[in-house]
Amino acid sequence: MTHTHTPGPWITECNCIRSERGNQRFDLVAIVPLNHDEWGANARLISAAPELLEALQMLMPQEPQEADSYDRAMWEAARAAVAKATGKGDA
């Protein structure tokens, strides 16, 4: 799979999110303000983004041909999230 974003895994470190492979730290991905009550939750969500995107992309070929309205809405939400993350949908 080709990535246009900084490859994961991403880790949280203090108020920074970094790309890490092995024992090496690479790119700074984001800085989350320390004075905000939700910084830890935001940092965890951002650091999980590469894995969440990859998981959704792996699911896309499994979409059933026939689905009820609940399942259809779920698949449409997944497709929209992938499109948004890859720059092919609304940001």
PDB file of N, CA and C in Angstrom:
ATOM      1  N   MET A   1       0.840  -1.176   0.000  1.00  0.00           N
ATOM      2  CA  MET A   1       0.000   0.000   0.000  1.00  0.00           C
ATOM      3  C   MET A   1       0.888   1.243   0.000  1.00  0.00           C
ATOM      4  N   THR A   2       0.632   2.174  -0.908  1.00  0.00           N
ATOM      5  CA  THR A   2       1.413   3.399  -1.009  1.00  0.00           C
ATOM      6  C   THR A   2       0.803   4.466  -0.109  1.00  0.00           C
ATOM      7  N   HIS A   3       1.653   5.116   0.662  1.00  0.00           N
ATOM      8  CA  HIS A   3       1.189   6.156   1.572  1.00  0.00           C
ATOM      9  C   HIS A   3       1.657   7.509   1.070  1.00  0.00           C
ATOM     10  N   THR A   4       0.821   8.516   1.204  1.00  0.00           N
ATOM     11  CA  THR A   4       1.238   9.883   0.937  1.00  0.00           C
ATOM     12  C   THR A   4       1.416  10.647   2.246  1.00  0.00           C
ATOM     13  N   HIS A   5       1.055  10.004   3.356  1.00  0.00           N
ATOM     14  CA  HIS A   5       1.240  10.607   4.678  1.00  0.00           C
ATOM     15  C   HIS A   5       2.496  10.010   5.327  1.00  0.00           C
ATOM     16  N   THR A   6       2.894  10.562   6.449  1.00  0.00           N
ATOM     17  CA  THR A   6       4.010  10.002   7.193  1.00  0.00           C
ATOM     18  C   THR A   6       3.629   8.605   7.647  1.00  0.00           C
ATOM     19  N   PRO A   7       4.417   7.585   7.290  1.00  0.00           N
ATOM     20  CA  PRO A   7       4.032   6.221   7.656  1.00  0.00           C
ATOM     21  C   PRO A   7       4.019   6.011   9.168  1.00  0.00           C
ATOM     22  N   GLY A   8       3.132   5.132   9.621  1.00  0.00           N
ATOM     23  CA  GLY A   8       3.060   4.778  11.027  1.00  0.00           C
ATOM     24  C   GLY A   8       4.043   3.679  11.339  1.00  0.00           C
ATOM     25  N   PRO A   9       4.122   3.206  12.530  1.00  0.00           N
ATOM     26  CA  PRO A   9       3.233   3.634  13.602  1.00  0.00           C
ATOM     27  C   PRO A   9       3.586   5.019  14.104  1.00  0.00           C
ATOM     28  N   TRP A  10       2.585   5.705  14.614  1.00  0.00           N
ATOM     29  CA  TRP A  10       2.798   6.994  15.251  1.00  0.00           C
ATOM     30  C   TRP A  10       2.701   6.786  16.752  1.00  0.00           C
ATOM     31  N   ILE A  11       3.513   7.504  17.476  1.00  0.00           N
ATOM     32  CA  ILE A  11       3.496   7.395  18.938  1.00  0.00           C
ATOM     33  C   ILE A  11       3.274   8.771  19.555  1.00  0.00           C
ATOM     34  N   THR A  12       2.696   8.786  20.746  1.00  0.00           N
ATOM     35  CA  THR A  12       2.561  10.035  21.485  1.00  0.00           C
ATOM     36  C   THR A  12       3.743  10.145  22.432  1.00  0.00           C
ATOM     37  N   GLU A  13       4.280  11.320  22.513  1.00  0.00           N
ATOM     38  CA  GLU A  13       5.449  11.580  23.351  1.00  0.00           C
ATOM     39  C   GLU A  13       5.283  12.986  23.904  1.00  0.00           C
ATOM     40  N   CYS A  14       4.964  13.076  25.181  1.00  0.00           N
ATOM     41  CA  CYS A  14       4.662  14.357  25.809  1.00  0.00           C
ATOM     42  C   CYS A  14       3.489  14.976  25.046  1.00  0.00           C
ATOM     43  N   ASN A  15       3.678  16.091  24.384  1.00  0.00           N
ATOM     44  CA  ASN A  15       2.589  16.673  23.604  1.00  0.00           C
ATOM     45  C   ASN A  15       2.855  16.580  22.102  1.00  0.00           C
ATOM     46  N   CYS A  16       3.777  15.686  21.712  1.00  0.00           N
ATOM     47  CA  CYS A  16       4.126  15.514  20.306  1.00  0.00           C
ATOM     48  C   CYS A  16       3.683  14.142  19.812  1.00  0.00           C
ATOM     49  N   ILE A  17       3.411  14.075  18.543  1.00  0.00           N
ATOM     50  CA  ILE A  17       3.129  12.797  17.890  1.00  0.00           C
ATOM     51  C   ILE A  17       4.209  12.621  16.840  1.00  0.00           C
ATOM     52  N   ARG A  18       4.911  11.499  16.924  1.00  0.00           N
ATOM     53  CA  ARG A  18       6.030  11.227  16.029  1.00  0.00           C
ATOM     54  C   ARG A  18       5.834   9.900  15.316  1.00  0.00           C
ATOM     55  N   SER A  19       6.447   9.826  14.151  1.00  0.00           N
ATOM     56  CA  SER A  19       6.513   8.562  13.434  1.00  0.00           C
ATOM     57  C   SER A  19       7.684   7.795  14.008  1.00  0.00           C
ATOM     58  N   GLU A  20       7.493   6.511  14.279  1.00  0.00           N
ATOM     59  CA  GLU A  20       8.576   5.718  14.867  1.00  0.00           C
ATOM     60  C   GLU A  20       8.654   4.358  14.192  1.00  0.00           C
ATOM     61  N   ARG A  21       9.859   3.974  13.798  1.00  0.00           N
ATOM     62  CA  ARG A  21      10.104   2.643  13.249  1.00  0.00           C
ATOM     63  C   ARG A  21      11.314   2.067  13.966  1.00  0.00           C
ATOM     64  N   GLY A  22      11.090   0.966  14.674  1.00  0.00           N
ATOM     65  CA  GLY A  22      12.175   0.388  15.467  1.00  0.00           C
ATOM     66  C   GLY A  22      12.516   1.329  16.601  1.00  0.00           C
ATOM     67  N   ASN A  23      13.798   1.532  16.828  1.00  0.00           N
ATOM     68  CA  ASN A  23      14.247   2.437  17.886  1.00  0.00           C
ATOM     69  C   ASN A  23      14.494   3.841  17.365  1.00  0.00           C
ATOM     70  N   GLN A  24      14.190   4.079  16.097  1.00  0.00           N
ATOM     71  CA  GLN A  24      14.450   5.394  15.516  1.00  0.00           C
ATOM     72  C   GLN A  24      13.187   6.233  15.522  1.00  0.00           C
ATOM     73  N   ARG A  25      13.332   7.496  15.836  1.00  0.00           N
ATOM     74  CA  ARG A  25      12.215   8.437  15.754  1.00  0.00           C
ATOM     75  C   ARG A  25      12.420   9.263  14.501  1.00  0.00           C
ATOM     76  N   PHE A  26      11.347   9.433  13.767  1.00  0.00           N
ATOM     77  CA  PHE A  26      11.427  10.149  12.510  1.00  0.00           C
ATOM     78  C   PHE A  26      10.660  11.463  12.576  1.00  0.00           C
ATOM     79  N   ASP A  27       9.728  11.617  11.700  1.00  0.00           N
ATOM     80  CA  ASP A  27       9.047  12.885  11.505  1.00  0.00           C
ATOM     81  C   ASP A  27       8.154  13.274  12.675  1.00  0.00           C
ATOM     82  N   LEU A  28       8.147  14.565  12.956  1.00  0.00           N
ATOM     83  CA  LEU A  28       7.171  15.134  13.871  1.00  0.00           C
ATOM     84  C   LEU A  28       5.872  15.234  13.087  1.00  0.00           C
ATOM     85  N   VAL A  29       4.833  14.599  13.565  1.00  0.00           N
ATOM     86  CA  VAL A  29       3.556  14.567  12.860  1.00  0.00           C
ATOM     87  C   VAL A  29       2.645  15.690  13.352  1.00  0.00           C
ATOM     88  N   ALA A  30       2.609  15.909  14.662  1.00  0.00           N
ATOM     89  CA  ALA A  30       1.723  16.929  15.218  1.00  0.00           C
ATOM     90  C   ALA A  30       2.183  17.324  16.607  1.00  0.00           C
ATOM     91  N   ILE A  31       1.797  18.520  17.005  1.00  0.00           N
ATOM     92  CA  ILE A  31       1.979  18.977  18.379  1.00  0.00           C
ATOM     93  C   ILE A  31       0.596  19.295  18.922  1.00  0.00           C
ATOM     94  N   VAL A  32       0.275  18.711  20.058  1.00  0.00           N
ATOM     95  CA  VAL A  32      -1.029  18.923  20.681  1.00  0.00           C
ATOM     96  C   VAL A  32      -0.812  19.832  21.889  1.00  0.00           C
ATOM     97  N   PRO A  33      -1.551  20.946  21.985  1.00  0.00           N
ATOM     98  CA  PRO A  33      -1.329  21.883  23.095  1.00  0.00           C
ATOM     99  C   PRO A  33      -1.464  21.209  24.459  1.00  0.00           C
ATOM    100  N   LEU A  34      -0.509  21.487  25.338  1.00  0.00           N
ATOM    101  CA  LEU A  34      -0.524  20.895  26.672  1.00  0.00           C
ATOM    102  C   LEU A  34      -1.585  21.486  27.581  1.00  0.00           C
ATOM    103  N   ASN A  35      -2.025  22.705  27.302  1.00  0.00           N
ATOM    104  CA  ASN A  35      -2.964  23.355  28.210  1.00  0.00           C
ATOM    105  C   ASN A  35      -4.416  22.980  27.934  1.00  0.00           C
ATOM    106  N   HIS A  36      -4.653  22.043  27.055  1.00  0.00           N
ATOM    107  CA  HIS A  36      -6.019  21.651  26.712  1.00  0.00           C
ATOM    108  C   HIS A  36      -6.369  20.346  27.416  1.00  0.00           C
ATOM    109  N   ASP A  37      -7.544  20.289  28.019  1.00  0.00           N
ATOM    110  CA  ASP A  37      -7.966  19.113  28.783  1.00  0.00           C
ATOM    111  C   ASP A  37      -8.024  17.842  27.948  1.00  0.00           C
ATOM    112  N   GLU A  38      -8.263  17.962  26.662  1.00  0.00           N
ATOM    113  CA  GLU A  38      -8.470  16.782  25.824  1.00  0.00           C
ATOM    114  C   GLU A  38      -7.213  16.381  25.048  1.00  0.00           C
ATOM    115  N   TRP A  39      -6.048  16.924  25.371  1.00  0.00           N
ATOM    116  CA  TRP A  39      -4.868  16.672  24.534  1.00  0.00           C
ATOM    117  C   TRP A  39      -4.512  15.196  24.464  1.00  0.00           C
ATOM    118  N   GLY A  40      -4.648  14.466  25.566  1.00  0.00           N
ATOM    119  CA  GLY A  40      -4.288  13.044  25.560  1.00  0.00           C
ATOM    120  C   GLY A  40      -5.187  12.239  24.638  1.00  0.00           C
ATOM    121  N   ALA A  41      -6.490  12.506  24.698  1.00  0.00           N
ATOM    122  CA  ALA A  41      -7.428  11.807  23.821  1.00  0.00           C
ATOM    123  C   ALA A  41      -7.173  12.171  22.364  1.00  0.00           C
ATOM    124  N   ASN A  42      -6.919  13.443  22.095  1.00  0.00           N
ATOM    125  CA  ASN A  42      -6.620  13.865  20.727  1.00  0.00           C
ATOM    126  C   ASN A  42      -5.336  13.218  20.221  1.00  0.00           C
ATOM    127  N   ALA A  43      -4.324  13.177  21.059  1.00  0.00           N
ATOM    128  CA  ALA A  43      -3.042  12.581  20.662  1.00  0.00           C
ATOM    129  C   ALA A  43      -3.207  11.094  20.355  1.00  0.00           C
ATOM    130  N   ARG A  44      -3.972  10.374  21.164  1.00  0.00           N
ATOM    131  CA  ARG A  44      -4.189   8.943  20.901  1.00  0.00           C
ATOM    132  C   ARG A  44      -4.951   8.726  19.598  1.00  0.00           C
ATOM    133  N   LEU A  45      -5.969   9.547  19.364  1.00  0.00           N
ATOM    134  CA  LEU A  45      -6.745   9.418  18.129  1.00  0.00           C
ATOM    135  C   LEU A  45      -5.877   9.714  16.908  1.00  0.00           C
ATOM    136  N   ILE A  46      -5.106  10.776  16.958  1.00  0.00           N
ATOM    137  CA  ILE A  46      -4.230  11.128  15.838  1.00  0.00           C
ATOM    138  C   ILE A  46      -3.190  10.038  15.625  1.00  0.00           C
ATOM    139  N   SER A  47      -2.620   9.513  16.701  1.00  0.00           N
ATOM    140  CA  SER A  47      -1.566   8.507  16.539  1.00  0.00           C
ATOM    141  C   SER A  47      -2.126   7.192  15.990  1.00  0.00           C
ATOM    142  N   ALA A  48      -3.411   6.939  16.169  1.00  0.00           N
ATOM    143  CA  ALA A  48      -4.036   5.721  15.630  1.00  0.00           C
ATOM    144  C   ALA A  48      -4.481   5.890  14.177  1.00  0.00           C
ATOM    145  N   ALA A  49      -4.441   7.104  13.647  1.00  0.00           N
ATOM    146  CA  ALA A  49      -4.975   7.384  12.307  1.00  0.00           C
ATOM    147  C   ALA A  49      -4.416   6.477  11.211  1.00  0.00           C
ATOM    148  N   PRO A  50      -3.108   6.235  11.124  1.00  0.00           N
ATOM    149  CA  PRO A  50      -2.624   5.360  10.043  1.00  0.00           C
ATOM    150  C   PRO A  50      -3.205   3.953  10.111  1.00  0.00           C
ATOM    151  N   GLU A  51      -3.316   3.394  11.324  1.00  0.00           N
ATOM    152  CA  GLU A  51      -3.861   2.053  11.471  1.00  0.00           C
ATOM    153  C   GLU A  51      -5.363   2.027  11.179  1.00  0.00           C
ATOM    154  N   LEU A  52      -6.082   3.065  11.588  1.00  0.00           N
ATOM    155  CA  LEU A  52      -7.516   3.137  11.306  1.00  0.00           C
ATOM    156  C   LEU A  52      -7.762   3.212   9.800  1.00  0.00           C
ATOM    157  N   LEU A  53      -6.991   4.037   9.101  1.00  0.00           N
ATOM    158  CA  LEU A  53      -7.127   4.154   7.652  1.00  0.00           C
ATOM    159  C   LEU A  53      -6.820   2.826   6.971  1.00  0.00           C
ATOM    160  N   GLU A  54      -5.739   2.189   7.366  1.00  0.00           N
ATOM    161  CA  GLU A  54      -5.366   0.916   6.753  1.00  0.00           C
ATOM    162  C   GLU A  54      -6.449  -0.151   6.984  1.00  0.00           C
ATOM    163  N   ALA A  55      -7.006  -0.179   8.192  1.00  0.00           N
ATOM    164  CA  ALA A  55      -8.053  -1.163   8.492  1.00  0.00           C
ATOM    165  C   ALA A  55      -9.284  -0.935   7.618  1.00  0.00           C
ATOM    166  N   LEU A  56      -9.690   0.323   7.459  1.00  0.00           N
ATOM    167  CA  LEU A  56     -10.844   0.603   6.611  1.00  0.00           C
ATOM    168  C   LEU A  56     -10.554   0.265   5.149  1.00  0.00           C
ATOM    169  N   GLN A  57      -9.352   0.559   4.692  1.00  0.00           N
ATOM    170  CA  GLN A  57      -9.000   0.235   3.307  1.00  0.00           C
ATOM    171  C   GLN A  57      -9.006  -1.277   3.078  1.00  0.00           C
ATOM    172  N   MET A  58      -8.597  -2.056   4.070  1.00  0.00           N
ATOM    173  CA  MET A  58      -8.618  -3.508   3.932  1.00  0.00           C
ATOM    174  C   MET A  58     -10.056  -4.038   3.911  1.00  0.00           C
ATOM    175  N   LEU A  59     -10.979  -3.342   4.569  1.00  0.00           N
ATOM    176  CA  LEU A  59     -12.379  -3.771   4.593  1.00  0.00           C
ATOM    177  C   LEU A  59     -13.119  -3.471   3.292  1.00  0.00           C
ATOM    178  N   MET A  60     -12.727  -2.446   2.575  1.00  0.00           N
ATOM    179  CA  MET A  60     -13.480  -1.995   1.410  1.00  0.00           C
ATOM    180  C   MET A  60     -13.771  -3.109   0.400  1.00  0.00           C
ATOM    181  N   PRO A  61     -12.843  -3.993   0.072  1.00  0.00           N
ATOM    182  CA  PRO A  61     -13.168  -5.055  -0.884  1.00  0.00           C
ATOM    183  C   PRO A  61     -14.179  -6.074  -0.346  1.00  0.00           C
ATOM    184  N   GLN A  62     -14.456  -6.055   0.956  1.00  0.00           N
ATOM    185  CA  GLN A  62     -15.363  -7.023   1.567  1.00  0.00           C
ATOM    186  C   GLN A  62     -16.818  -6.544   1.581  1.00  0.00           C
ATOM    187  N   GLU A  63     -17.078  -5.367   1.017  1.00  0.00           N
ATOM    188  CA  GLU A  63     -18.444  -4.839   1.048  1.00  0.00           C
ATOM    189  C   GLU A  63     -19.399  -5.798   0.337  1.00  0.00           C
ATOM    190  N   PRO A  64     -20.475  -6.179   0.992  1.00  0.00           N
ATOM    191  CA  PRO A  64     -21.415  -7.115   0.366  1.00  0.00           C
ATOM    192  C   PRO A  64     -22.188  -6.449  -0.774  1.00  0.00           C
ATOM    193  N   GLN A  65     -22.587  -7.231  -1.753  1.00  0.00           N
ATOM    194  CA  GLN A  65     -23.383  -6.722  -2.874  1.00  0.00           C
ATOM    195  C   GLN A  65     -24.783  -6.317  -2.409  1.00  0.00           C
ATOM    196  N   GLU A  66     -25.335  -7.088  -1.509  1.00  0.00           N
ATOM    197  CA  GLU A  66     -26.671  -6.810  -0.974  1.00  0.00           C
ATOM    198  C   GLU A  66     -26.525  -6.420   0.489  1.00  0.00           C
ATOM    199  N   ALA A  67     -27.149  -5.336   0.882  1.00  0.00           N
ATOM    200  CA  ALA A  67     -27.085  -4.900   2.278  1.00  0.00           C
ATOM    201  C   ALA A  67     -28.354  -4.144   2.620  1.00  0.00           C
ATOM    202  N   ASP A  68     -28.767  -4.228   3.887  1.00  0.00           N
ATOM    203  CA  ASP A  68     -29.925  -3.448   4.309  1.00  0.00           C
ATOM    204  C   ASP A  68     -29.497  -2.002   4.529  1.00  0.00           C
ATOM    205  N   SER A  69     -30.449  -1.137   4.840  1.00  0.00           N
ATOM    206  CA  SER A  69     -30.144   0.293   4.934  1.00  0.00           C
ATOM    207  C   SER A  69     -29.137   0.596   6.043  1.00  0.00           C
ATOM    208  N   TYR A  70     -29.197  -0.144   7.164  1.00  0.00           N
ATOM    209  CA  TYR A  70     -28.227   0.072   8.244  1.00  0.00           C
ATOM    210  C   TYR A  70     -26.826  -0.274   7.760  1.00  0.00           C
ATOM    211  N   ASP A  71     -26.665  -1.442   7.141  1.00  0.00           N
ATOM    212  CA  ASP A  71     -25.350  -1.840   6.635  1.00  0.00           C
ATOM    213  C   ASP A  71     -24.875  -0.894   5.542  1.00  0.00           C
ATOM    214  N   ARG A  72     -25.776  -0.476   4.668  1.00  0.00           N
ATOM    215  CA  ARG A  72     -25.404   0.429   3.586  1.00  0.00           C
ATOM    216  C   ARG A  72     -24.865   1.740   4.160  1.00  0.00           C
ATOM    217  N   ALA A  73     -25.531   2.266   5.186  1.00  0.00           N
ATOM    218  CA  ALA A  73     -25.079   3.513   5.822  1.00  0.00           C
ATOM    219  C   ALA A  73     -23.695   3.338   6.435  1.00  0.00           C
ATOM    220  N   MET A  74     -23.449   2.174   7.031  1.00  0.00           N
ATOM    221  CA  MET A  74     -22.138   1.898   7.632  1.00  0.00           C
ATOM    222  C   MET A  74     -21.050   1.903   6.552  1.00  0.00           C
ATOM    223  N   TRP A  75     -21.305   1.226   5.437  1.00  0.00           N
ATOM    224  CA  TRP A  75     -20.313   1.172   4.360  1.00  0.00           C
ATOM    225  C   TRP A  75     -20.102   2.543   3.728  1.00  0.00           C
ATOM    226  N   GLU A  76     -21.163   3.325   3.595  1.00  0.00           N
ATOM    227  CA  GLU A  76     -21.023   4.678   3.043  1.00  0.00           C
ATOM    228  C   GLU A  76     -20.187   5.552   3.968  1.00  0.00           C
ATOM    229  N   ALA A  77     -20.376   5.421   5.278  1.00  0.00           N
ATOM    230  CA  ALA A  77     -19.575   6.177   6.245  1.00  0.00           C
ATOM    231  C   ALA A  77     -18.112   5.766   6.166  1.00  0.00           C
ATOM    232  N   ALA A  78     -17.848   4.479   6.019  1.00  0.00           N
ATOM    233  CA  ALA A  78     -16.466   3.997   5.907  1.00  0.00           C
ATOM    234  C   ALA A  78     -15.819   4.535   4.629  1.00  0.00           C
ATOM    235  N   ARG A  79     -16.539   4.476   3.506  1.00  0.00           N
ATOM    236  CA  ARG A  79     -15.993   5.003   2.244  1.00  0.00           C
ATOM    237  C   ARG A  79     -15.719   6.499   2.346  1.00  0.00           C
ATOM    238  N   ALA A  80     -16.626   7.239   2.991  1.00  0.00           N
ATOM    239  CA  ALA A  80     -16.445   8.682   3.154  1.00  0.00           C
ATOM    240  C   ALA A  80     -15.225   8.996   4.021  1.00  0.00           C
ATOM    241  N   ALA A  81     -15.022   8.208   5.069  1.00  0.00           N
ATOM    242  CA  ALA A  81     -13.860   8.424   5.938  1.00  0.00           C
ATOM    243  C   ALA A  81     -12.552   8.165   5.190  1.00  0.00           C
ATOM    244  N   VAL A  82     -12.512   7.103   4.390  1.00  0.00           N
ATOM    245  CA  VAL A  82     -11.313   6.810   3.592  1.00  0.00           C
ATOM    246  C   VAL A  82     -11.080   7.930   2.587  1.00  0.00           C
ATOM    247  N   ALA A  83     -12.135   8.384   1.928  1.00  0.00           N
ATOM    248  CA  ALA A  83     -11.991   9.462   0.950  1.00  0.00           C
ATOM    249  C   ALA A  83     -11.475  10.740   1.619  1.00  0.00           C
ATOM    250  N   LYS A  84     -11.987  11.059   2.775  1.00  0.00           N
ATOM    251  CA  LYS A  84     -11.544  12.256   3.505  1.00  0.00           C
ATOM    252  C   LYS A  84     -10.077  12.133   3.888  1.00  0.00           C
ATOM    253  N   ALA A  85      -9.681  10.962   4.387  1.00  0.00           N
ATOM    254  CA  ALA A  85      -8.299  10.758   4.835  1.00  0.00           C
ATOM    255  C   ALA A  85      -7.301  10.753   3.677  1.00  0.00           C
ATOM    256  N   THR A  86      -7.763  10.373   2.503  1.00  0.00           N
ATOM    257  CA  THR A  86      -6.858  10.283   1.341  1.00  0.00           C
ATOM    258  C   THR A  86      -6.965  11.501   0.426  1.00  0.00           C
ATOM    259  N   GLY A  87      -7.746  12.509   0.835  1.00  0.00           N
ATOM    260  CA  GLY A  87      -7.857  13.734   0.041  1.00  0.00           C
ATOM    261  C   GLY A  87      -8.798  13.618  -1.145  1.00  0.00           C
ATOM    262  N   LYS A  88      -9.643  12.611  -1.144  1.00  0.00           N
ATOM    263  CA  LYS A  88     -10.576  12.420  -2.247  1.00  0.00           C
ATOM    264  C   LYS A  88     -12.007  12.725  -1.841  1.00  0.00           C
ATOM    265  N   GLY A  89     -12.175  13.338  -0.682  1.00  0.00           N
ATOM    266  CA  GLY A  89     -13.515  13.680  -0.190  1.00  0.00           C
ATOM    267  C   GLY A  89     -13.458  14.993   0.563  1.00  0.00           C
ATOM    268  N   ASP A  90     -14.570  15.337   1.214  1.00  0.00           N
ATOM    269  CA  ASP A  90     -14.637  16.576   1.971  1.00  0.00           C
ATOM    270  C   ASP A  90     -13.721  16.527   3.182  1.00  0.00           C
ATOM    271  N   ALA A  91     -12.986  17.602   3.376  1.00  0.00           N
ATOM    272  CA  ALA A  91     -12.063  17.681   4.521  1.00  0.00           C
ATOM    273  C   ALA A  91     -12.709  18.359   5.692  1.00  0.00           C
TER     274      ALA A  91
END
